[in-house]
Amino acid sequence: MNIARSNPLRGDLTVPGDKSISHRSIMLGSLARGTTTVTGFLQGADCLSSIACFRQMGIEIENDQNTVKIHGKGLHGLSRPTDTLDTGNSGTTTRLMSGILAAQPFDCTINGDASIQSRPMNRIITPLSMMGAHIQSVNNNGCAPLHIIGGPLKGIAYTSPVASAQVKSAVLLAGLYAQGETSVTEPFLSRDHTERMLRACGADITCQGTTARIHPARELYACDIHIPGDISSAAYFIAAGLIVPGSEIRLHHVGINPTRDGILKVCRDMGADIVLDNEKELGSEPAADIIVRSSKLHGTTIGGSIIPTLIDELPIIAILACFAEGTTVIKDAQELKVKESNRIDIMVENLKAMGADITATEDGMIIHGGRPLHGAAIATHRDHRVAMSFAVAGLASDGVTRLDHGGCVDISYPGFFEDLKKLAR
């Protein structure tokens, strides 16, 4: 995939549905009694992996692209899969589903692609084992494949060393089945889509500060789920609109959940011209149109409690920092090393190839912006967020930027390159 300097980007766009909410709609819809109707579902490879896994466990799921209907069988309605559950590239599917499977009256194995087989799973194995779960890393390396022998669980009060929605959600989903109260306390508040959806389905869950508490449920109940656009996908067009001169873009119905909107705060701190319009609630999630205009940006420091609200957006923020005057420091972002790839090293390596003044640190990056970038051959490591970030960088750089595996964007944003072309016409 070759990317060249772009004309001004102008027009309206609706980005695909939120990936995190799409995953959770399949899982909770499967555990609820009745039919859950989902609109705005993300038809990306990761979310399709969630559908495939729950179909393997006996759940009827209709997917006609525009609407997904999940015919849930209740909390105890899953059946033992006859084969390994393949989660593809999806860490969300792997970790959240482990919390559910830990309480089932059967055993099974979860596995995924090479990326999943290198991502840390001890962060869920530890708390779930404390609840009485029997989970084994088959290769004894703390990674997938995982063999899970389901059984009775007990509630715990767990203090997580990391602010991770996947860890929190795995424990809370297991807590639906546990004896007694289960609580999870994080160092900072991570995204809260699981808590919102559990509440909508009738679960007894409360949240205070960085602690979420859940009591075992007799039943969950189906409800309609309206999924807003994914702010992580919108982030690439926000960045493109800011750095391509003369641009003005409206992004429709984007989720602005306060545990996910760190990208907006950082862009404003950098001097971005961003306006929210038509703010409303879509089901249990806030959404708005985002209007972005090209802007003169300046450096900033990003760290602490804001990191969990923009962890997936840090690669594109690194691109923005290269086009901003002054220095940007990204810190407290060790999680970037254990995503689909080591995003710190990969972003630094590729941005240096484009002429950026950037240095990797143990927990982030230091970027001295304002230097013109030029095209280069980009090694994406098949990481969808890396690929989309460098596609945006190429729009404002001299020469041609070449992505080695542009097709990996299908993991979260099928049609990404077509949408870029629409705005550049």
Protein backbone atom coordinates (compact mmCIF):
# COMPACT_ATOMS: atom_id res chain seq x y z
CA MET A 1 0.00 0.00 0.00
CA ASN A 2 1.53 3.31 -1.16
CA ILE A 3 0.58 6.65 0.41
CA ALA A 4 1.49 10.06 -1.05
CA ARG A 5 1.03 13.65 0.12
CA SER A 6 -2.68 14.51 0.10
CA ASN A 7 -4.88 17.36 -1.00
CA PRO A 8 -6.93 18.95 1.81
CA LEU A 9 -9.27 16.40 3.41
CA ARG A 10 -12.89 17.53 3.38
CA GLY A 11 -16.26 15.96 3.97
CA ASP A 12 -18.35 13.84 6.33
CA LEU A 13 -17.57 10.33 7.47
CA THR A 14 -19.12 7.68 9.69
CA VAL A 15 -16.44 5.42 11.14
CA PRO A 16 -17.22 1.77 11.99
CA GLY A 17 -18.72 0.78 15.32
CA ASP A 18 -16.70 0.62 18.51
CA LYS A 19 -14.60 -2.54 18.65
CA SER A 20 -14.65 -2.89 22.44
CA ILE A 21 -18.43 -2.54 22.64
CA SER A 22 -18.94 -4.91 19.69
CA HIS A 23 -17.01 -7.68 21.46
CA ARG A 24 -18.96 -7.19 24.66
CA SER A 25 -22.31 -7.18 22.87
CA ILE A 26 -21.63 -10.72 21.60
CA MET A 27 -20.49 -12.01 24.98
CA LEU A 28 -23.23 -10.50 27.13
CA GLY A 29 -25.87 -11.12 24.45
CA SER A 30 -24.91 -14.80 24.54
CA LEU A 31 -25.21 -14.93 28.34
CA ALA A 32 -28.50 -13.01 28.46
CA ARG A 33 -31.93 -14.58 28.25
CA GLY A 34 -33.68 -13.64 25.02
CA THR A 35 -32.66 -11.98 21.76
CA THR A 36 -30.20 -9.08 21.80
CA THR A 37 -30.33 -6.86 18.72
CA VAL A 38 -27.13 -4.94 17.96
CA THR A 39 -26.84 -2.06 15.50
CA GLY A 40 -23.52 -0.48 14.51
CA PHE A 41 -21.58 -3.71 15.06
CA LEU A 42 -17.98 -3.63 13.82
CA GLN A 43 -17.51 -6.14 11.01
CA GLY A 44 -13.77 -6.40 11.66
CA ALA A 45 -11.79 -9.61 11.94
CA ASP A 46 -11.39 -9.33 15.71
CA CYS A 47 -15.11 -9.02 16.39
CA LEU A 48 -15.93 -11.79 13.93
CA SER A 49 -13.66 -14.00 16.04
CA SER A 50 -15.92 -13.36 19.03
CA ILE A 51 -18.97 -14.36 16.98
CA ALA A 52 -17.26 -17.55 15.79
CA CYS A 53 -16.27 -18.57 19.33
CA PHE A 54 -19.76 -18.20 20.77
CA ARG A 55 -21.30 -19.97 17.80
CA GLN A 56 -18.97 -22.86 18.63
CA MET A 57 -20.52 -22.89 22.11
CA GLY A 58 -24.03 -23.31 20.76
CA ILE A 59 -25.23 -19.69 20.48
CA GLU A 60 -27.25 -18.78 17.40
CA ILE A 61 -25.99 -15.45 16.04
CA GLU A 62 -27.45 -13.82 12.93
CA ASN A 63 -25.16 -11.34 11.19
CA ASP A 64 -26.50 -9.48 8.16
CA GLN A 65 -23.79 -6.75 8.31
CA ASN A 66 -26.19 -3.98 9.37
CA THR A 67 -27.75 -5.77 12.35
CA VAL A 68 -26.54 -8.60 14.55
CA LYS A 69 -29.04 -10.69 16.52
CA ILE A 70 -27.80 -12.88 19.36
CA HIS A 71 -30.21 -15.52 20.62
CA GLY A 72 -28.92 -15.84 24.15
CA LYS A 73 -29.45 -18.95 26.25
CA GLY A 74 -28.84 -17.43 29.68
CA LEU A 75 -25.88 -17.56 32.04
CA HIS A 76 -25.72 -21.35 32.00
CA GLY A 77 -26.62 -21.98 28.36
CA LEU A 78 -23.18 -22.40 26.77
CA SER A 79 -22.18 -25.80 25.42
CA ARG A 80 -18.74 -27.39 25.36
CA PRO A 81 -17.00 -26.60 22.06
CA THR A 82 -15.88 -29.59 20.06
CA ASP A 83 -12.68 -27.88 18.93
CA THR A 84 -10.21 -25.22 20.08
CA LEU A 85 -11.74 -21.75 20.34
CA ASP A 86 -9.80 -19.61 17.84
CA THR A 87 -9.63 -15.96 18.90
CA GLY A 88 -7.54 -14.85 15.91
CA ASN A 89 -5.72 -11.61 16.72
CA SER A 90 -8.15 -10.57 19.46
CA GLY A 91 -6.79 -10.05 22.95
CA THR A 92 -10.23 -8.85 24.05
CA THR A 93 -11.86 -12.12 22.98
CA THR A 94 -9.13 -14.18 24.61
CA ARG A 95 -9.06 -12.45 27.97
CA LEU A 96 -12.74 -11.64 28.48
CA MET A 97 -13.94 -15.05 27.33
CA SER A 98 -11.52 -16.67 29.80
CA GLY A 99 -13.46 -15.07 32.65
CA ILE A 100 -16.68 -16.60 31.35
CA LEU A 101 -15.19 -20.03 30.60
CA ALA A 102 -13.63 -20.29 34.06
CA ALA A 103 -17.12 -20.85 35.50
CA GLN A 104 -18.57 -23.23 32.88
CA PRO A 105 -19.23 -26.93 33.57
CA PHE A 106 -16.81 -28.04 30.84
CA ASP A 107 -13.19 -27.73 29.78
CA CYS A 108 -11.86 -26.16 26.57
CA THR A 109 -8.80 -24.66 24.93
CA ILE A 110 -8.38 -21.09 23.64
CA ASN A 111 -5.75 -20.16 21.08
CA GLY A 112 -5.07 -17.42 18.56
CA ASP A 113 -2.55 -16.21 16.02
CA ALA A 114 1.18 -15.67 16.57
CA SER A 115 0.54 -12.27 18.17
CA ILE A 116 -1.91 -13.71 20.70
CA GLN A 117 0.55 -16.50 21.49
CA SER A 118 3.07 -13.88 22.62
CA ARG A 119 0.79 -11.60 24.64
CA PRO A 120 0.81 -11.84 28.48
CA MET A 121 -2.07 -13.87 29.93
CA ASN A 122 -0.81 -14.20 33.51
CA ARG A 123 -2.55 -10.90 34.19
CA ILE A 124 -5.89 -12.75 33.93
CA ILE A 125 -4.68 -16.19 35.02
CA THR A 126 -3.63 -14.80 38.42
CA PRO A 127 -6.95 -13.24 39.54
CA LEU A 128 -9.08 -15.98 37.98
CA SER A 129 -6.99 -18.62 39.78
CA MET A 130 -7.55 -16.72 43.02
CA MET A 131 -11.28 -17.20 42.36
CA GLY A 132 -10.78 -20.96 42.04
CA ALA A 133 -10.36 -21.23 38.26
CA HIS A 134 -8.15 -23.88 36.70
CA ILE A 135 -6.30 -22.23 33.80
CA GLN A 136 -3.09 -23.57 32.32
CA SER A 137 -0.80 -21.93 29.80
CA VAL A 138 -0.27 -25.00 27.62
CA ASN A 139 3.33 -24.04 26.80
CA ASN A 140 4.02 -22.88 30.39
CA ASN A 141 5.05 -19.42 29.18
CA GLY A 142 2.14 -17.34 30.50
CA CYS A 143 0.65 -17.03 27.01
CA ALA A 144 -1.94 -18.74 24.83
CA PRO A 145 -2.91 -21.42 24.12
CA LEU A 146 -4.84 -21.65 27.40
CA HIS A 147 -6.57 -24.77 28.67
CA ILE A 148 -9.45 -23.93 31.01
CA ILE A 149 -11.27 -26.42 33.23
CA GLY A 150 -14.44 -24.67 34.35
CA GLY A 151 -15.91 -25.01 37.82
CA PRO A 152 -17.28 -23.22 40.89
CA LEU A 153 -15.76 -19.83 41.68
CA LYS A 154 -15.63 -17.64 44.77
CA GLY A 155 -15.69 -13.85 44.88
CA ILE A 156 -12.50 -11.93 45.60
CA ALA A 157 -11.38 -8.37 46.15
CA TYR A 158 -8.69 -7.95 43.52
CA THR A 159 -6.28 -5.04 43.24
CA SER A 160 -4.92 -5.01 39.70
CA PRO A 161 -1.34 -3.85 39.17
CA VAL A 162 -2.32 -2.48 35.76
CA ALA A 163 -5.20 -0.31 34.57
CA SER A 164 -6.61 -2.77 32.04
CA ALA A 165 -10.22 -3.06 30.93
CA GLN A 166 -9.50 -6.60 29.74
CA VAL A 167 -8.27 -7.71 33.17
CA LYS A 168 -11.10 -5.92 34.95
CA SER A 169 -13.71 -7.33 32.59
CA ALA A 170 -12.43 -10.91 32.85
CA VAL A 171 -12.76 -10.79 36.64
CA LEU A 172 -16.18 -9.09 36.59
CA LEU A 173 -17.56 -11.61 34.08
CA ALA A 174 -16.30 -14.45 36.27
CA GLY A 175 -17.94 -12.64 39.18
CA LEU A 176 -21.34 -13.17 37.57
CA TYR A 177 -20.97 -16.83 38.55
CA ALA A 178 -18.95 -16.55 41.78
CA GLN A 179 -20.13 -17.07 45.32
CA GLY A 180 -20.20 -13.71 47.07
CA GLU A 181 -19.13 -10.26 45.95
CA THR A 182 -16.29 -9.74 43.49
CA SER A 183 -14.46 -6.40 43.22
CA VAL A 184 -11.66 -5.05 41.05
CA THR A 185 -9.62 -1.98 41.97
CA GLU A 186 -7.30 -0.41 39.37
CA PRO A 187 -4.47 2.14 39.74
CA PHE A 188 -6.34 4.33 37.21
CA LEU A 189 -9.78 3.95 35.71
CA SER A 190 -9.74 1.97 32.46
CA ARG A 191 -12.54 1.92 29.87
CA ASP A 192 -15.89 1.03 31.45
CA HIS A 193 -17.91 -0.49 28.59
CA THR A 194 -18.30 -3.80 30.42
CA GLU A 195 -19.73 -2.12 33.51
CA ARG A 196 -22.20 -0.08 31.47
CA MET A 197 -23.40 -3.07 29.46
CA LEU A 198 -23.67 -5.35 32.51
CA ARG A 199 -25.85 -2.75 34.19
CA ALA A 200 -28.06 -2.49 31.08
CA CYS A 201 -28.50 -6.29 31.13
CA GLY A 202 -29.65 -6.26 34.75
CA ALA A 203 -26.47 -7.19 36.63
CA ASP A 204 -25.96 -6.00 40.20
CA ILE A 205 -22.86 -3.89 39.63
CA THR A 206 -21.69 -0.68 41.27
CA CYS A 207 -18.69 1.55 40.60
CA GLN A 208 -16.94 4.00 42.89
CA GLY A 209 -13.67 5.66 41.97
CA THR A 210 -11.42 3.02 40.44
CA THR A 211 -13.28 0.09 42.05
CA ALA A 212 -16.06 -1.94 40.41
CA ARG A 213 -18.12 -4.43 42.45
CA ILE A 214 -20.41 -7.17 41.16
CA HIS A 215 -22.65 -9.72 42.84
CA PRO A 216 -23.56 -13.08 41.31
CA ALA A 217 -26.49 -12.94 38.93
CA ARG A 218 -29.49 -15.26 38.64
CA GLU A 219 -30.10 -14.05 35.12
CA LEU A 220 -29.09 -11.42 32.56
CA TYR A 221 -31.72 -10.02 30.22
CA ALA A 222 -31.45 -9.22 26.52
CA CYS A 223 -31.56 -5.57 25.49
CA ASP A 224 -31.06 -3.62 22.29
CA ILE A 225 -27.51 -2.30 21.90
CA HIS A 226 -26.70 0.72 19.73
CA ILE A 227 -22.96 0.96 19.13
CA PRO A 228 -21.44 4.39 18.39
CA GLY A 229 -18.48 4.92 16.08
CA ASP A 230 -15.13 3.84 17.49
CA ILE A 231 -13.12 6.81 18.74
CA SER A 232 -9.95 4.74 18.22
CA SER A 233 -10.83 4.55 14.51
CA ALA A 234 -11.91 8.19 14.41
CA ALA A 235 -8.51 9.15 15.84
CA TYR A 236 -6.77 8.58 12.48
CA PHE A 237 -9.08 11.01 10.72
CA ILE A 238 -8.84 13.49 13.58
CA ALA A 239 -5.06 13.42 13.16
CA ALA A 240 -5.23 13.59 9.37
CA GLY A 241 -7.55 16.58 9.56
CA LEU A 242 -5.16 18.35 11.91
CA ILE A 243 -1.93 17.85 9.94
CA VAL A 244 -3.06 18.06 6.31
CA PRO A 245 -3.32 21.81 5.56
CA GLY A 246 -6.73 23.18 4.60
CA SER A 247 -8.67 20.19 5.94
CA GLU A 248 -12.09 20.14 7.62
CA ILE A 249 -13.80 16.85 8.52
CA ARG A 250 -17.02 15.93 10.34
CA LEU A 251 -17.09 12.47 11.92
CA HIS A 252 -20.62 11.33 12.77
CA HIS A 253 -21.86 9.60 15.94
CA VAL A 254 -18.48 8.85 17.52
CA GLY A 255 -18.38 7.44 21.04
CA ILE A 256 -17.07 9.96 23.55
CA ASN A 257 -17.14 7.79 26.68
CA PRO A 258 -15.06 9.69 29.28
CA THR A 259 -12.89 6.60 29.82
CA ARG A 260 -11.99 6.68 26.10
CA ASP A 261 -11.79 10.36 25.12
CA GLY A 262 -8.17 11.06 26.08
CA ILE A 263 -7.30 11.63 22.40
CA LEU A 264 -9.60 14.66 22.36
CA LYS A 265 -8.04 16.11 25.50
CA VAL A 266 -4.49 15.64 24.22
CA CYS A 267 -5.29 17.16 20.82
CA ARG A 268 -6.81 20.20 22.51
CA ASP A 269 -3.76 20.48 24.77
CA MET A 270 -1.68 20.56 21.56
CA GLY A 271 -3.77 23.45 20.17
CA ALA A 272 -6.15 21.48 17.95
CA ASP A 273 -9.33 23.00 16.54
CA ILE A 274 -11.84 20.30 17.54
CA VAL A 275 -15.55 20.86 18.20
CA LEU A 276 -18.21 18.42 19.44
CA ASP A 277 -21.70 18.71 17.95
CA ASN A 278 -24.99 16.80 18.34
CA GLU A 279 -24.02 15.26 21.68
CA LYS A 280 -26.43 12.50 22.80
CA GLU A 281 -26.71 9.09 24.43
CA LEU A 282 -26.64 5.99 22.21
CA GLY A 283 -27.99 3.36 24.58
CA SER A 284 -25.69 3.48 27.60
CA GLU A 285 -22.88 5.26 25.73
CA PRO A 286 -22.40 8.99 25.00
CA ALA A 287 -21.74 9.99 21.38
CA ALA A 288 -21.25 13.14 19.31
CA ASP A 289 -20.21 14.44 15.92
CA ILE A 290 -16.55 15.50 15.95
CA ILE A 291 -15.57 18.42 13.73
CA VAL A 292 -11.84 18.81 13.15
CA ARG A 293 -9.95 21.51 11.21
CA SER A 294 -6.27 21.70 10.32
CA SER A 295 -4.34 23.38 13.12
CA LYS A 296 -0.92 24.59 14.21
CA LEU A 297 0.06 22.15 16.96
CA HIS A 298 2.58 22.36 19.78
CA GLY A 299 4.19 19.72 21.97
CA THR A 300 2.82 18.45 25.27
CA THR A 301 3.46 15.88 28.01
CA ILE A 302 1.22 12.81 28.20
CA GLY A 303 1.26 10.48 31.20
CA GLY A 304 -0.42 9.30 34.38
CA SER A 305 -4.17 8.70 34.62
CA ILE A 306 -4.89 9.79 31.04
CA ILE A 307 -2.90 6.87 29.54
CA PRO A 308 -5.63 4.20 29.91
CA THR A 309 -8.07 6.52 28.12
CA LEU A 310 -5.91 6.67 24.98
CA ILE A 311 -3.64 3.63 25.05
CA ASP A 312 -4.72 2.52 21.56
CA GLU A 313 -4.32 6.06 20.22
CA LEU A 314 -0.69 6.58 21.29
CA PRO A 315 0.73 5.49 17.91
CA ILE A 316 -1.27 8.15 16.08
CA ILE A 317 -0.46 10.69 18.82
CA ALA A 318 3.22 10.00 18.11
CA ILE A 319 2.54 10.95 14.48
CA LEU A 320 0.82 14.17 15.57
CA ALA A 321 3.79 15.02 17.77
CA CYS A 322 6.12 14.90 14.77
CA PHE A 323 4.06 17.66 13.11
CA ALA A 324 3.86 19.78 16.28
CA GLU A 325 6.33 22.50 17.21
CA GLY A 326 8.39 21.70 20.28
CA THR A 327 8.80 18.55 22.33
CA THR A 328 6.20 15.92 23.20
CA VAL A 329 6.87 13.42 25.98
CA ILE A 330 4.84 10.20 26.23
CA LYS A 331 5.41 8.36 29.52
CA ASP A 332 3.77 5.72 31.76
CA ALA A 333 2.90 3.77 28.60
CA GLN A 334 4.65 0.45 29.22
CA GLU A 335 1.48 -1.28 27.97
CA LEU A 336 2.48 -0.32 24.42
CA LYS A 337 5.13 -3.02 24.58
CA VAL A 338 2.59 -5.84 25.00
CA LYS A 339 -0.10 -4.88 22.51
CA GLU A 340 -0.37 -6.55 19.09
CA SER A 341 3.30 -5.60 18.73
CA ASN A 342 5.90 -3.64 20.69
CA ARG A 343 4.46 -0.33 19.58
CA ILE A 344 7.14 1.81 21.24
CA ASP A 345 10.01 0.25 19.31
CA ILE A 346 8.07 -0.06 16.05
CA MET A 347 6.86 3.56 16.05
CA VAL A 348 10.35 4.86 16.87
CA GLU A 349 12.06 2.70 14.24
CA ASN A 350 9.67 3.69 11.46
CA LEU A 351 9.45 7.37 12.35
CA LYS A 352 13.23 7.62 12.37
CA ALA A 353 13.18 6.15 8.86
CA MET A 354 10.87 9.03 7.88
CA GLY A 355 13.26 11.62 9.35
CA ALA A 356 11.68 12.22 12.75
CA ASP A 357 13.68 13.22 15.83
CA ILE A 358 12.34 10.59 18.22
CA THR A 359 13.79 8.55 21.07
CA ALA A 360 12.37 5.47 22.78
CA THR A 361 12.25 5.37 26.58
CA GLU A 362 11.41 2.52 28.95
CA ASP A 363 7.79 3.66 29.18
CA GLY A 364 7.21 5.78 26.10
CA MET A 365 8.86 8.20 23.68
CA ILE A 366 10.36 11.68 23.42
CA ILE A 367 9.56 13.44 20.16
CA HIS A 368 11.07 16.74 18.99
CA GLY A 369 8.56 17.89 16.41
CA GLY A 370 8.58 20.33 13.55
CA ARG A 371 10.97 18.47 11.22
CA PRO A 372 9.57 17.64 7.77
CA LEU A 373 8.95 13.93 7.26
CA HIS A 374 9.65 12.02 4.06
CA GLY A 375 8.29 8.77 2.71
CA ALA A 376 9.89 5.48 3.69
CA ALA A 377 9.28 1.73 3.65
CA ILE A 378 7.24 1.02 6.80
CA ALA A 379 7.42 -2.33 8.60
CA THR A 380 3.96 -2.60 10.15
CA HIS A 381 4.56 -5.98 11.82
CA ARG A 382 0.95 -6.64 10.75
CA ASP A 383 -0.25 -4.29 13.51
CA HIS A 384 -3.42 -2.54 12.34
CA ARG A 385 -2.87 0.58 14.44
CA VAL A 386 0.70 0.98 13.24
CA ALA A 387 -0.44 0.64 9.62
CA MET A 388 -3.20 3.25 9.94
CA SER A 389 -0.92 5.65 11.82
CA PHE A 390 1.72 5.62 9.07
CA ALA A 391 -0.94 5.93 6.38
CA VAL A 392 -1.88 9.23 8.03
CA ALA A 393 1.77 10.28 8.34
CA GLY A 394 2.21 9.66 4.62
CA LEU A 395 -0.58 12.12 3.80
CA ALA A 396 1.54 15.00 5.11
CA SER A 397 5.02 13.80 4.12
CA ASP A 398 7.18 14.24 1.02
CA GLY A 399 7.55 11.34 -1.38
CA VAL A 400 5.83 7.97 -1.06
CA THR A 401 5.21 6.03 2.16
CA ARG A 402 5.02 2.27 1.55
CA LEU A 403 3.22 -0.02 4.01
CA ASP A 404 4.33 -3.64 3.82
CA HIS A 405 1.02 -5.13 5.04
CA GLY A 406 -1.79 -2.64 4.53
CA GLY A 407 -4.38 -5.41 4.70
CA CYS A 408 -3.91 -5.81 8.46
CA VAL A 409 -6.22 -2.80 8.96
CA ASP A 410 -9.12 -5.23 8.43
CA ILE A 411 -8.64 -6.33 12.05
CA SER A 412 -10.40 -3.17 13.22
CA TYR A 413 -11.28 -1.03 10.18
CA PRO A 414 -12.25 -2.73 6.92
CA GLY A 415 -12.57 0.04 4.34
CA PHE A 416 -10.07 2.37 6.02
CA PHE A 417 -8.16 3.20 2.86
CA GLU A 418 -11.37 3.74 0.87
CA ASP A 419 -12.55 6.23 3.51
CA LEU A 420 -9.24 8.10 3.30
CA LYS A 421 -9.66 8.38 -0.47
CA LYS A 422 -13.22 9.73 -0.10
CA LEU A 423 -12.01 12.65 2.00
CA ALA A 424 -9.10 13.47 -0.32
CA ARG A 425 -11.24 13.90 -3.46
